Amino acid sequence: MGELHYGMNDSVFEFEDRLLHHLKLVIANKLRKGESFLFTWQTSECGAGSSLWLHPSIPLHFTFANLVDVEINKEWAELLGFLANRPGGLTIVDEPTPQAAQQP
């Protein structure tokens, strides 16, 4: 499990490493452009969730349990980026199967 560390009080949120690598790409891209946005995710099977308002001026860093080269699923990264641009902000969705693997 990797961690997203956010804010001056260093709030820590755990995510699976593969997902966190994809989130890092999307979040860094938005913040690099100076864009603030909402990030919401489900924290339990019963539907509980958390939300963060991500802003370029608020400290943020990522730690990974395994910092190996992760093969990025371009379709998933693009989908997460699309979601981050919606008024409701970024939400986590399951990783889609790569298009090439779906073709016979």
PDB file of N, CA and C in Angstrom:
ATOM      1  N   MET A   1       0.845  -1.184   0.000  1.00  0.00           N
ATOM      2  CA  MET A   1       0.000   0.000   0.000  1.00  0.00           C
ATOM      3  C   MET A   1       0.885   1.240   0.000  1.00  0.00           C
ATOM      4  N   GLY A   2       0.488   2.195  -0.845  1.00  0.00           N
ATOM      5  CA  GLY A   2       1.165   3.471  -0.879  1.00  0.00           C
ATOM      6  C   GLY A   2       0.364   4.498  -0.091  1.00  0.00           C
ATOM      7  N   GLU A   3       0.937   5.682   0.053  1.00  0.00           N
ATOM      8  CA  GLU A   3       0.281   6.717   0.842  1.00  0.00           C
ATOM      9  C   GLU A   3       0.312   8.059   0.124  1.00  0.00           C
ATOM     10  N   LEU A   4      -0.786   8.783   0.250  1.00  0.00           N
ATOM     11  CA  LEU A   4      -0.875  10.158  -0.196  1.00  0.00           C
ATOM     12  C   LEU A   4      -0.829  10.998   1.078  1.00  0.00           C
ATOM     13  N   HIS A   5       0.154  11.875   1.181  1.00  0.00           N
ATOM     14  CA  HIS A   5       0.324  12.759   2.338  1.00  0.00           C
ATOM     15  C   HIS A   5      -0.109  14.151   1.909  1.00  0.00           C
ATOM     16  N   TYR A   6      -1.015  14.770   2.681  1.00  0.00           N
ATOM     17  CA  TYR A   6      -1.587  16.040   2.238  1.00  0.00           C
ATOM     18  C   TYR A   6      -1.744  17.015   3.391  1.00  0.00           C
ATOM     19  N   GLY A   7      -1.356  18.250   3.148  1.00  0.00           N
ATOM     20  CA  GLY A   7      -1.576  19.335   4.097  1.00  0.00           C
ATOM     21  C   GLY A   7      -0.454  19.521   5.093  1.00  0.00           C
ATOM     22  N   MET A   8      -0.537  20.644   5.795  1.00  0.00           N
ATOM     23  CA  MET A   8       0.482  21.005   6.791  1.00  0.00           C
ATOM     24  C   MET A   8       0.518  20.008   7.949  1.00  0.00           C
ATOM     25  N   ASN A   9      -0.623  19.428   8.296  1.00  0.00           N
ATOM     26  CA  ASN A   9      -0.646  18.447   9.388  1.00  0.00           C
ATOM     27  C   ASN A   9      -0.362  17.038   8.873  1.00  0.00           C
ATOM     28  N   ASP A  10       0.001  16.929   7.597  1.00  0.00           N
ATOM     29  CA  ASP A  10       0.384  15.673   6.963  1.00  0.00           C
ATOM     30  C   ASP A  10      -0.664  14.576   7.164  1.00  0.00           C
ATOM     31  N   SER A  11      -1.876  14.852   6.709  1.00  0.00           N
ATOM     32  CA  SER A  11      -2.912  13.814   6.701  1.00  0.00           C
ATOM     33  C   SER A  11      -2.460  12.727   5.739  1.00  0.00           C
ATOM     34  N   VAL A  12      -2.647  11.474   6.129  1.00  0.00           N
ATOM     35  CA  VAL A  12      -2.163  10.342   5.334  1.00  0.00           C
ATOM     36  C   VAL A  12      -3.345   9.473   4.917  1.00  0.00           C
ATOM     37  N   PHE A  13      -3.372   9.138   3.606  1.00  0.00           N
ATOM     38  CA  PHE A  13      -4.432   8.313   3.048  1.00  0.00           C
ATOM     39  C   PHE A  13      -3.783   7.180   2.272  1.00  0.00           C
ATOM     40  N   GLU A  14      -4.220   5.942   2.528  1.00  0.00           N
ATOM     41  CA  GLU A  14      -3.628   4.765   1.886  1.00  0.00           C
ATOM     42  C   GLU A  14      -4.393   4.370   0.629  1.00  0.00           C
ATOM     43  N   PHE A  15      -3.605   3.999  -0.394  1.00  0.00           N
ATOM     44  CA  PHE A  15      -4.145   3.489  -1.645  1.00  0.00           C
ATOM     45  C   PHE A  15      -3.236   2.373  -2.133  1.00  0.00           C
ATOM     46  N   GLU A  16      -3.796   1.460  -2.886  1.00  0.00           N
ATOM     47  CA  GLU A  16      -3.006   0.407  -3.506  1.00  0.00           C
ATOM     48  C   GLU A  16      -1.995   1.076  -4.440  1.00  0.00           C
ATOM     49  N   ASP A  17      -0.765   0.561  -4.469  1.00  0.00           N
ATOM     50  CA  ASP A  17       0.325   1.197  -5.216  1.00  0.00           C
ATOM     51  C   ASP A  17      -0.012   1.462  -6.678  1.00  0.00           C
ATOM     52  N   ARG A  18      -0.587   0.493  -7.361  1.00  0.00           N
ATOM     53  CA  ARG A  18      -0.878   0.672  -8.790  1.00  0.00           C
ATOM     54  C   ARG A  18      -1.840   1.839  -9.003  1.00  0.00           C
ATOM     55  N   LEU A  19      -2.900   1.875  -8.208  1.00  0.00           N
ATOM     56  CA  LEU A  19      -3.845   2.977  -8.279  1.00  0.00           C
ATOM     57  C   LEU A  19      -3.144   4.296  -7.958  1.00  0.00           C
ATOM     58  N   LEU A  20      -2.320   4.313  -6.925  1.00  0.00           N
ATOM     59  CA  LEU A  20      -1.656   5.545  -6.512  1.00  0.00           C
ATOM     60  C   LEU A  20      -0.736   6.090  -7.598  1.00  0.00           C
ATOM     61  N   HIS A  21      -0.070   5.226  -8.342  1.00  0.00           N
ATOM     62  CA  HIS A  21       0.765   5.683  -9.459  1.00  0.00           C
ATOM     63  C   HIS A  21      -0.094   6.416 -10.496  1.00  0.00           C
ATOM     64  N   HIS A  22      -1.280   5.893 -10.780  1.00  0.00           N
ATOM     65  CA  HIS A  22      -2.172   6.528 -11.743  1.00  0.00           C
ATOM     66  C   HIS A  22      -2.740   7.838 -11.176  1.00  0.00           C
ATOM     67  N   LEU A  23      -3.112   7.830  -9.907  1.00  0.00           N
ATOM     68  CA  LEU A  23      -3.602   9.049  -9.274  1.00  0.00           C
ATOM     69  C   LEU A  23      -2.524  10.135  -9.277  1.00  0.00           C
ATOM     70  N   LYS A  24      -1.291   9.730  -9.025  1.00  0.00           N
ATOM     71  CA  LYS A  24      -0.176  10.696  -9.016  1.00  0.00           C
ATOM     72  C   LYS A  24      -0.085  11.419 -10.353  1.00  0.00           C
ATOM     73  N   LEU A  25      -0.203  10.698 -11.448  1.00  0.00           N
ATOM     74  CA  LEU A  25      -0.147  11.320 -12.778  1.00  0.00           C
ATOM     75  C   LEU A  25      -1.248  12.359 -12.952  1.00  0.00           C
ATOM     76  N   VAL A  26      -2.462  11.986 -12.602  1.00  0.00           N
ATOM     77  CA  VAL A  26      -3.613  12.869 -12.791  1.00  0.00           C
ATOM     78  C   VAL A  26      -3.521  14.079 -11.864  1.00  0.00           C
ATOM     79  N   ILE A  27      -3.237  13.838 -10.598  1.00  0.00           N
ATOM     80  CA  ILE A  27      -3.167  14.926  -9.621  1.00  0.00           C
ATOM     81  C   ILE A  27      -2.031  15.887  -9.966  1.00  0.00           C
ATOM     82  N   ALA A  28      -0.865  15.352 -10.287  1.00  0.00           N
ATOM     83  CA  ALA A  28       0.274  16.210 -10.627  1.00  0.00           C
ATOM     84  C   ALA A  28      -0.025  17.052 -11.864  1.00  0.00           C
ATOM     85  N   ASN A  29      -0.695  16.468 -12.846  1.00  0.00           N
ATOM     86  CA  ASN A  29      -1.032  17.205 -14.060  1.00  0.00           C
ATOM     87  C   ASN A  29      -1.961  18.381 -13.748  1.00  0.00           C
ATOM     88  N   LYS A  30      -2.978  18.147 -12.934  1.00  0.00           N
ATOM     89  CA  LYS A  30      -3.916  19.212 -12.569  1.00  0.00           C
ATOM     90  C   LYS A  30      -3.215  20.306 -11.758  1.00  0.00           C
ATOM     91  N   LEU A  31      -2.437  19.910 -10.764  1.00  0.00           N
ATOM     92  CA  LEU A  31      -1.788  20.900  -9.904  1.00  0.00           C
ATOM     93  C   LEU A  31      -0.709  21.677 -10.657  1.00  0.00           C
ATOM     94  N   ARG A  32      -0.025  21.018 -11.588  1.00  0.00           N
ATOM     95  CA  ARG A  32       0.994  21.686 -12.401  1.00  0.00           C
ATOM     96  C   ARG A  32       0.379  22.820 -13.205  1.00  0.00           C
ATOM     97  N   LYS A  33      -0.880  22.651 -13.604  1.00  0.00           N
ATOM     98  CA  LYS A  33      -1.599  23.680 -14.359  1.00  0.00           C
ATOM     99  C   LYS A  33      -2.198  24.748 -13.444  1.00  0.00           C
ATOM    100  N   GLY A  34      -1.992  24.595 -12.129  1.00  0.00           N
ATOM    101  CA  GLY A  34      -2.536  25.548 -11.171  1.00  0.00           C
ATOM    102  C   GLY A  34      -4.011  25.356 -10.896  1.00  0.00           C
ATOM    103  N   GLU A  35      -4.531  24.171 -11.183  1.00  0.00           N
ATOM    104  CA  GLU A  35      -5.960  23.896 -11.027  1.00  0.00           C
ATOM    105  C   GLU A  35      -6.251  23.210  -9.690  1.00  0.00           C
ATOM    106  N   SER A  36      -7.236  23.737  -8.982  1.00  0.00           N
ATOM    107  CA  SER A  36      -7.747  23.106  -7.762  1.00  0.00           C
ATOM    108  C   SER A  36      -8.901  22.193  -8.149  1.00  0.00           C
ATOM    109  N   PHE A  37      -9.125  21.133  -7.364  1.00  0.00           N
ATOM    110  CA  PHE A  37     -10.227  20.231  -7.676  1.00  0.00           C
ATOM    111  C   PHE A  37     -10.527  19.345  -6.479  1.00  0.00           C
ATOM    112  N   LEU A  38     -11.699  18.749  -6.504  1.00  0.00           N
ATOM    113  CA  LEU A  38     -12.154  17.837  -5.459  1.00  0.00           C
ATOM    114  C   LEU A  38     -11.756  16.410  -5.823  1.00  0.00           C
ATOM    115  N   PHE A  39     -11.284  15.670  -4.841  1.00  0.00           N
ATOM    116  CA  PHE A  39     -10.935  14.256  -5.009  1.00  0.00           C
ATOM    117  C   PHE A  39     -11.729  13.482  -3.965  1.00  0.00           C
ATOM    118  N   THR A  40     -12.582  12.556  -4.423  1.00  0.00           N
ATOM    119  CA  THR A  40     -13.458  11.786  -3.540  1.00  0.00           C
ATOM    120  C   THR A  40     -13.264  10.306  -3.794  1.00  0.00           C
ATOM    121  N   TRP A  41     -13.240   9.513  -2.732  1.00  0.00           N
ATOM    122  CA  TRP A  41     -13.113   8.070  -2.874  1.00  0.00           C
ATOM    123  C   TRP A  41     -13.874   7.363  -1.764  1.00  0.00           C
ATOM    124  N   GLN A  42     -14.230   6.122  -2.051  1.00  0.00           N
ATOM    125  CA  GLN A  42     -14.931   5.275  -1.088  1.00  0.00           C
ATOM    126  C   GLN A  42     -13.905   4.657  -0.157  1.00  0.00           C
ATOM    127  N   THR A  43     -14.187   4.682   1.138  1.00  0.00           N
ATOM    128  CA  THR A  43     -13.229   4.162   2.115  1.00  0.00           C
ATOM    129  C   THR A  43     -13.639   2.840   2.743  1.00  0.00           C
ATOM    130  N   SER A  44     -14.853   2.372   2.453  1.00  0.00           N
ATOM    131  CA  SER A  44     -15.284   1.089   3.013  1.00  0.00           C
ATOM    132  C   SER A  44     -16.323   0.441   2.108  1.00  0.00           C
ATOM    133  N   GLU A  45     -16.531  -0.831   2.341  1.00  0.00           N
ATOM    134  CA  GLU A  45     -17.512  -1.600   1.571  1.00  0.00           C
ATOM    135  C   GLU A  45     -18.931  -1.093   1.793  1.00  0.00           C
ATOM    136  N   CYS A  46     -19.190  -0.455   2.941  1.00  0.00           N
ATOM    137  CA  CYS A  46     -20.557  -0.011   3.251  1.00  0.00           C
ATOM    138  C   CYS A  46     -20.863   1.366   2.676  1.00  0.00           C
ATOM    139  N   GLY A  47     -19.946   1.918   1.896  1.00  0.00           N
ATOM    140  CA  GLY A  47     -20.224   3.167   1.201  1.00  0.00           C
ATOM    141  C   GLY A  47     -19.650   4.420   1.833  1.00  0.00           C
ATOM    142  N   ALA A  48     -18.974   4.298   2.973  1.00  0.00           N
ATOM    143  CA  ALA A  48     -18.359   5.477   3.582  1.00  0.00           C
ATOM    144  C   ALA A  48     -17.296   6.027   2.640  1.00  0.00           C
ATOM    145  N   GLY A  49     -17.075   7.329   2.701  1.00  0.00           N
ATOM    146  CA  GLY A  49     -16.106   7.919   1.795  1.00  0.00           C
ATOM    147  C   GLY A  49     -15.383   9.103   2.391  1.00  0.00           C
ATOM    148  N   SER A  50     -14.407   9.593   1.646  1.00  0.00           N
ATOM    149  CA  SER A  50     -13.632  10.765   2.027  1.00  0.00           C
ATOM    150  C   SER A  50     -13.492  11.668   0.818  1.00  0.00           C
ATOM    151  N   SER A  51     -13.289  12.954   1.074  1.00  0.00           N
ATOM    152  CA  SER A  51     -13.039  13.927   0.019  1.00  0.00           C
ATOM    153  C   SER A  51     -11.940  14.878   0.457  1.00  0.00           C
ATOM    154  N   LEU A  52     -11.132  15.297  -0.502  1.00  0.00           N
ATOM    155  CA  LEU A  52     -10.097  16.308  -0.282  1.00  0.00           C
ATOM    156  C   LEU A  52     -10.248  17.393  -1.330  1.00  0.00           C
ATOM    157  N   TRP A  53     -10.045  18.637  -0.926  1.00  0.00           N
ATOM    158  CA  TRP A  53      -9.944  19.716  -1.886  1.00  0.00           C
ATOM    159  C   TRP A  53      -8.454  19.871  -2.155  1.00  0.00           C
ATOM    160  N   LEU A  54      -8.029  19.530  -3.365  1.00  0.00           N
ATOM    161  CA  LEU A  54      -6.618  19.598  -3.726  1.00  0.00           C
ATOM    162  C   LEU A  54      -6.324  20.962  -4.345  1.00  0.00           C
ATOM    163  N   HIS A  55      -5.307  21.628  -3.824  1.00  0.00           N
ATOM    164  CA  HIS A  55      -4.934  22.977  -4.267  1.00  0.00           C
ATOM    165  C   HIS A  55      -3.422  23.016  -4.432  1.00  0.00           C
ATOM    166  N   PRO A  56      -2.928  23.711  -5.462  1.00  0.00           N
ATOM    167  CA  PRO A  56      -1.484  23.741  -5.719  1.00  0.00           C
ATOM    168  C   PRO A  56      -0.635  24.273  -4.564  1.00  0.00           C
ATOM    169  N   SER A  57      -1.203  25.094  -3.684  1.00  0.00           N
ATOM    170  CA  SER A  57      -0.405  25.673  -2.596  1.00  0.00           C
ATOM    171  C   SER A  57      -0.335  24.787  -1.357  1.00  0.00           C
ATOM    172  N   ILE A  58      -1.062  23.682  -1.337  1.00  0.00           N
ATOM    173  CA  ILE A  58      -1.081  22.803  -0.161  1.00  0.00           C
ATOM    174  C   ILE A  58      -0.066  21.678  -0.364  1.00  0.00           C
ATOM    175  N   PRO A  59       0.814  21.469   0.625  1.00  0.00           N
ATOM    176  CA  PRO A  59       1.837  20.413   0.493  1.00  0.00           C
ATOM    177  C   PRO A  59       1.218  19.042   0.231  1.00  0.00           C
ATOM    178  N   LEU A  60       1.874  18.312  -0.672  1.00  0.00           N
ATOM    179  CA  LEU A  60       1.401  16.995  -1.083  1.00  0.00           C
ATOM    180  C   LEU A  60       2.604  16.150  -1.449  1.00  0.00           C
ATOM    181  N   HIS A  61       2.629  14.916  -0.994  1.00  0.00           N
ATOM    182  CA  HIS A  61       3.625  13.973  -1.503  1.00  0.00           C
ATOM    183  C   HIS A  61       3.079  12.551  -1.424  1.00  0.00           C
ATOM    184  N   PHE A  62       3.709  11.695  -2.212  1.00  0.00           N
ATOM    185  CA  PHE A  62       3.303  10.305  -2.335  1.00  0.00           C
ATOM    186  C   PHE A  62       4.429   9.416  -1.847  1.00  0.00           C
ATOM    187  N   THR A  63       4.100   8.338  -1.160  1.00  0.00           N
ATOM    188  CA  THR A  63       5.075   7.306  -0.829  1.00  0.00           C
ATOM    189  C   THR A  63       4.514   5.985  -1.340  1.00  0.00           C
ATOM    190  N   PHE A  64       5.416   5.118  -1.784  1.00  0.00           N
ATOM    191  CA  PHE A  64       5.007   3.843  -2.363  1.00  0.00           C
ATOM    192  C   PHE A  64       5.677   2.698  -1.625  1.00  0.00           C
ATOM    193  N   ALA A  65       4.937   1.616  -1.414  1.00  0.00           N
ATOM    194  CA  ALA A  65       5.509   0.428  -0.793  1.00  0.00           C
ATOM    195  C   ALA A  65       6.562  -0.167  -1.724  1.00  0.00           C
ATOM    196  N   ASN A  66       6.281  -0.156  -3.022  1.00  0.00           N
ATOM    197  CA  ASN A  66       7.208  -0.663  -4.026  1.00  0.00           C
ATOM    198  C   ASN A  66       7.329   0.369  -5.137  1.00  0.00           C
ATOM    199  N   LEU A  67       8.496   0.973  -5.249  1.00  0.00           N
ATOM    200  CA  LEU A  67       8.713   1.985  -6.275  1.00  0.00           C
ATOM    201  C   LEU A  67       9.321   1.333  -7.502  1.00  0.00           C
ATOM    202  N   VAL A  68       8.614   0.353  -8.023  1.00  0.00           N
ATOM    203  CA  VAL A  68       9.038  -0.321  -9.248  1.00  0.00           C
ATOM    204  C   VAL A  68       8.375   0.384 -10.421  1.00  0.00           C
ATOM    205  N   ASP A  69       8.903   0.155 -11.599  1.00  0.00           N
ATOM    206  CA  ASP A  69       8.279   0.730 -12.786  1.00  0.00           C
ATOM    207  C   ASP A  69       6.915   0.085 -12.990  1.00  0.00           C
ATOM    208  N   VAL A  70       5.888   0.882 -12.858  1.00  0.00           N
ATOM    209  CA  VAL A  70       4.529   0.408 -13.057  1.00  0.00           C
ATOM    210  C   VAL A  70       4.133   0.700 -14.493  1.00  0.00           C
ATOM    211  N   GLU A  71       3.623  -0.299 -15.177  1.00  0.00           N
ATOM    212  CA  GLU A  71       3.137  -0.074 -16.531  1.00  0.00           C
ATOM    213  C   GLU A  71       1.827   0.704 -16.428  1.00  0.00           C
ATOM    214  N   ILE A  72       1.836   1.906 -16.965  1.00  0.00           N
ATOM    215  CA  ILE A  72       0.664   2.764 -16.874  1.00  0.00           C
ATOM    216  C   ILE A  72      -0.382   2.323 -17.891  1.00  0.00           C
ATOM    217  N   ASN A  73      -1.601   2.179 -17.419  1.00  0.00           N
ATOM    218  CA  ASN A  73      -2.736   1.893 -18.277  1.00  0.00           C
ATOM    219  C   ASN A  73      -3.226   3.248 -18.788  1.00  0.00           C
ATOM    220  N   LYS A  74      -2.895   3.571 -20.026  1.00  0.00           N
ATOM    221  CA  LYS A  74      -3.207   4.875 -20.599  1.00  0.00           C
ATOM    222  C   LYS A  74      -4.706   5.166 -20.559  1.00  0.00           C
ATOM    223  N   GLU A  75      -5.510   4.152 -20.849  1.00  0.00           N
ATOM    224  CA  GLU A  75      -6.964   4.337 -20.844  1.00  0.00           C
ATOM    225  C   GLU A  75      -7.463   4.727 -19.456  1.00  0.00           C
ATOM    226  N   TRP A  76      -6.921   4.098 -18.422  1.00  0.00           N
ATOM    227  CA  TRP A  76      -7.324   4.389 -17.049  1.00  0.00           C
ATOM    228  C   TRP A  76      -6.877   5.797 -16.658  1.00  0.00           C
ATOM    229  N   ALA A  77      -5.635   6.138 -16.995  1.00  0.00           N
ATOM    230  CA  ALA A  77      -5.118   7.471 -16.673  1.00  0.00           C
ATOM    231  C   ALA A  77      -5.956   8.554 -17.357  1.00  0.00           C
ATOM    232  N   GLU A  78      -6.314   8.327 -18.614  1.00  0.00           N
ATOM    233  CA  GLU A  78      -7.139   9.298 -19.333  1.00  0.00           C
ATOM    234  C   GLU A  78      -8.532   9.399 -18.723  1.00  0.00           C
ATOM    235  N   LEU A  79      -9.108   8.269 -18.319  1.00  0.00           N
ATOM    236  CA  LEU A  79     -10.428   8.272 -17.690  1.00  0.00           C
ATOM    237  C   LEU A  79     -10.387   9.034 -16.365  1.00  0.00           C
ATOM    238  N   LEU A  80      -9.377   8.759 -15.545  1.00  0.00           N
ATOM    239  CA  LEU A  80      -9.244   9.476 -14.270  1.00  0.00           C
ATOM    240  C   LEU A  80      -9.048  10.972 -14.515  1.00  0.00           C
ATOM    241  N   GLY A  81      -8.272  11.327 -15.535  1.00  0.00           N
ATOM    242  CA  GLY A  81      -8.078  12.732 -15.879  1.00  0.00           C
ATOM    243  C   GLY A  81      -9.375  13.394 -16.314  1.00  0.00           C
ATOM    244  N   PHE A  82     -10.170  12.679 -17.106  1.00  0.00           N
ATOM    245  CA  PHE A  82     -11.475  13.188 -17.522  1.00  0.00           C
ATOM    246  C   PHE A  82     -12.355  13.433 -16.296  1.00  0.00           C
ATOM    247  N   LEU A  83     -12.376  12.477 -15.377  1.00  0.00           N
ATOM    248  CA  LEU A  83     -13.196  12.615 -14.171  1.00  0.00           C
ATOM    249  C   LEU A  83     -12.743  13.801 -13.326  1.00  0.00           C
ATOM    250  N   ALA A  84     -11.442  14.027 -13.258  1.00  0.00           N
ATOM    251  CA  ALA A  84     -10.906  15.136 -12.463  1.00  0.00           C
ATOM    252  C   ALA A  84     -11.351  16.485 -13.012  1.00  0.00           C
ATOM    253  N   ASN A  85     -11.700  16.549 -14.291  1.00  0.00           N
ATOM    254  CA  ASN A  85     -12.124  17.804 -14.905  1.00  0.00           C
ATOM    255  C   ASN A  85     -13.624  18.066 -14.784  1.00  0.00           C
ATOM    256  N   ARG A  86     -14.370  17.121 -14.241  1.00  0.00           N
ATOM    257  CA  ARG A  86     -15.811  17.309 -14.050  1.00  0.00           C
ATOM    258  C   ARG A  86     -16.060  18.221 -12.854  1.00  0.00           C
ATOM    259  N   PRO A  87     -17.228  18.871 -12.806  1.00  0.00           N
ATOM    260  CA  PRO A  87     -17.548  19.716 -11.641  1.00  0.00           C
ATOM    261  C   PRO A  87     -17.493  18.943 -10.318  1.00  0.00           C
ATOM    262  N   GLY A  88     -17.840  17.640 -10.345  1.00  0.00           N
ATOM    263  CA  GLY A  88     -17.807  16.826  -9.128  1.00  0.00           C
ATOM    264  C   GLY A  88     -16.417  16.362  -8.746  1.00  0.00           C
ATOM    265  N   GLY A  89     -15.447  16.581  -9.616  1.00  0.00           N
ATOM    266  CA  GLY A  89     -14.065  16.244  -9.315  1.00  0.00           C
ATOM    267  C   GLY A  89     -13.703  14.794  -9.579  1.00  0.00           C
ATOM    268  N   LEU A  90     -12.497  14.458  -9.188  1.00  0.00           N
ATOM    269  CA  LEU A  90     -11.917  13.134  -9.396  1.00  0.00           C
ATOM    270  C   LEU A  90     -12.540  12.113  -8.457  1.00  0.00           C
ATOM    271  N   THR A  91     -12.990  11.011  -9.033  1.00  0.00           N
ATOM    272  CA  THR A  91     -13.445   9.864  -8.255  1.00  0.00           C
ATOM    273  C   THR A  91     -12.712   8.638  -8.786  1.00  0.00           C
ATOM    274  N   ILE A  92     -12.556   7.656  -7.944  1.00  0.00           N
ATOM    275  CA  ILE A  92     -11.846   6.442  -8.335  1.00  0.00           C
ATOM    276  C   ILE A  92     -12.812   5.484  -9.019  1.00  0.00           C
ATOM    277  N   VAL A  93     -12.374   4.974 -10.158  1.00  0.00           N
ATOM    278  CA  VAL A  93     -13.129   3.953 -10.881  1.00  0.00           C
ATOM    279  C   VAL A  93     -12.207   2.757 -11.083  1.00  0.00           C
ATOM    280  N   ASP A  94     -12.802   1.601 -11.296  1.00  0.00           N
ATOM    281  CA  ASP A  94     -12.006   0.399 -11.530  1.00  0.00           C
ATOM    282  C   ASP A  94     -11.178   0.537 -12.800  1.00  0.00           C
ATOM    283  N   GLU A  95     -10.042  -0.120 -12.804  1.00  0.00           N
ATOM    284  CA  GLU A  95      -9.168  -0.093 -13.969  1.00  0.00           C
ATOM    285  C   GLU A  95      -9.816  -0.842 -15.123  1.00  0.00           C
ATOM    286  N   PRO A  96      -9.955  -0.162 -16.283  1.00  0.00           N
ATOM    287  CA  PRO A  96     -10.503  -0.861 -17.449  1.00  0.00           C
ATOM    288  C   PRO A  96      -9.463  -1.807 -18.048  1.00  0.00           C
ATOM    289  N   THR A  97      -9.950  -2.821 -18.731  1.00  0.00           N
ATOM    290  CA  THR A  97      -9.065  -3.724 -19.456  1.00  0.00           C
ATOM    291  C   THR A  97      -8.517  -2.963 -20.643  1.00  0.00           C
ATOM    292  N   PRO A  98      -7.199  -3.010 -20.879  1.00  0.00           N
ATOM    293  CA  PRO A  98      -6.641  -2.300 -22.042  1.00  0.00           C
ATOM    294  C   PRO A  98      -7.318  -2.727 -23.337  1.00  0.00           C
ATOM    295  N   GLN A  99      -7.516  -1.753 -24.243  1.00  0.00           N
ATOM    296  CA  GLN A  99      -8.207  -2.010 -25.515  1.00  0.00           C
ATOM    297  C   GLN A  99      -7.564  -3.138 -26.308  1.00  0.00           C
ATOM    298  N   ALA A 100      -6.237  -3.169 -26.354  1.00  0.00           N
ATOM    299  CA  ALA A 100      -5.543  -4.190 -27.147  1.00  0.00           C
ATOM    300  C   ALA A 100      -5.874  -5.595 -26.651  1.00  0.00           C
ATOM    301  N   ALA A 101      -6.059  -5.747 -25.344  1.00  0.00           N
ATOM    302  CA  ALA A 101      -6.348  -7.064 -24.785  1.00  0.00           C
ATOM    303  C   ALA A 101      -7.795  -7.478 -25.064  1.00  0.00           C
ATOM    304  N   GLN A 102      -8.671  -6.529 -25.382  1.00  0.00           N
ATOM    305  CA  GLN A 102     -10.062  -6.840 -25.626  1.00  0.00           C
ATOM    306  C   GLN A 102     -10.308  -7.312 -27.054  1.00  0.00           C
ATOM    307  N   GLN A 103      -9.385  -7.042 -27.951  1.00  0.00           N
ATOM    308  CA  GLN A 103      -9.577  -7.420 -29.339  1.00  0.00           C
ATOM    309  C   GLN A 103      -9.228  -8.891 -29.552  1.00  0.00           C
ATOM    310  N   PRO A 104     -10.010  -9.587 -30.399  1.00  0.00           N
ATOM    311  CA  PRO A 104      -9.756 -11.015 -30.618  1.00  0.00           C
ATOM    312  C   PRO A 104      -8.474 -11.243 -31.402  1.00  0.00           C
TER     313      PRO A 104
END
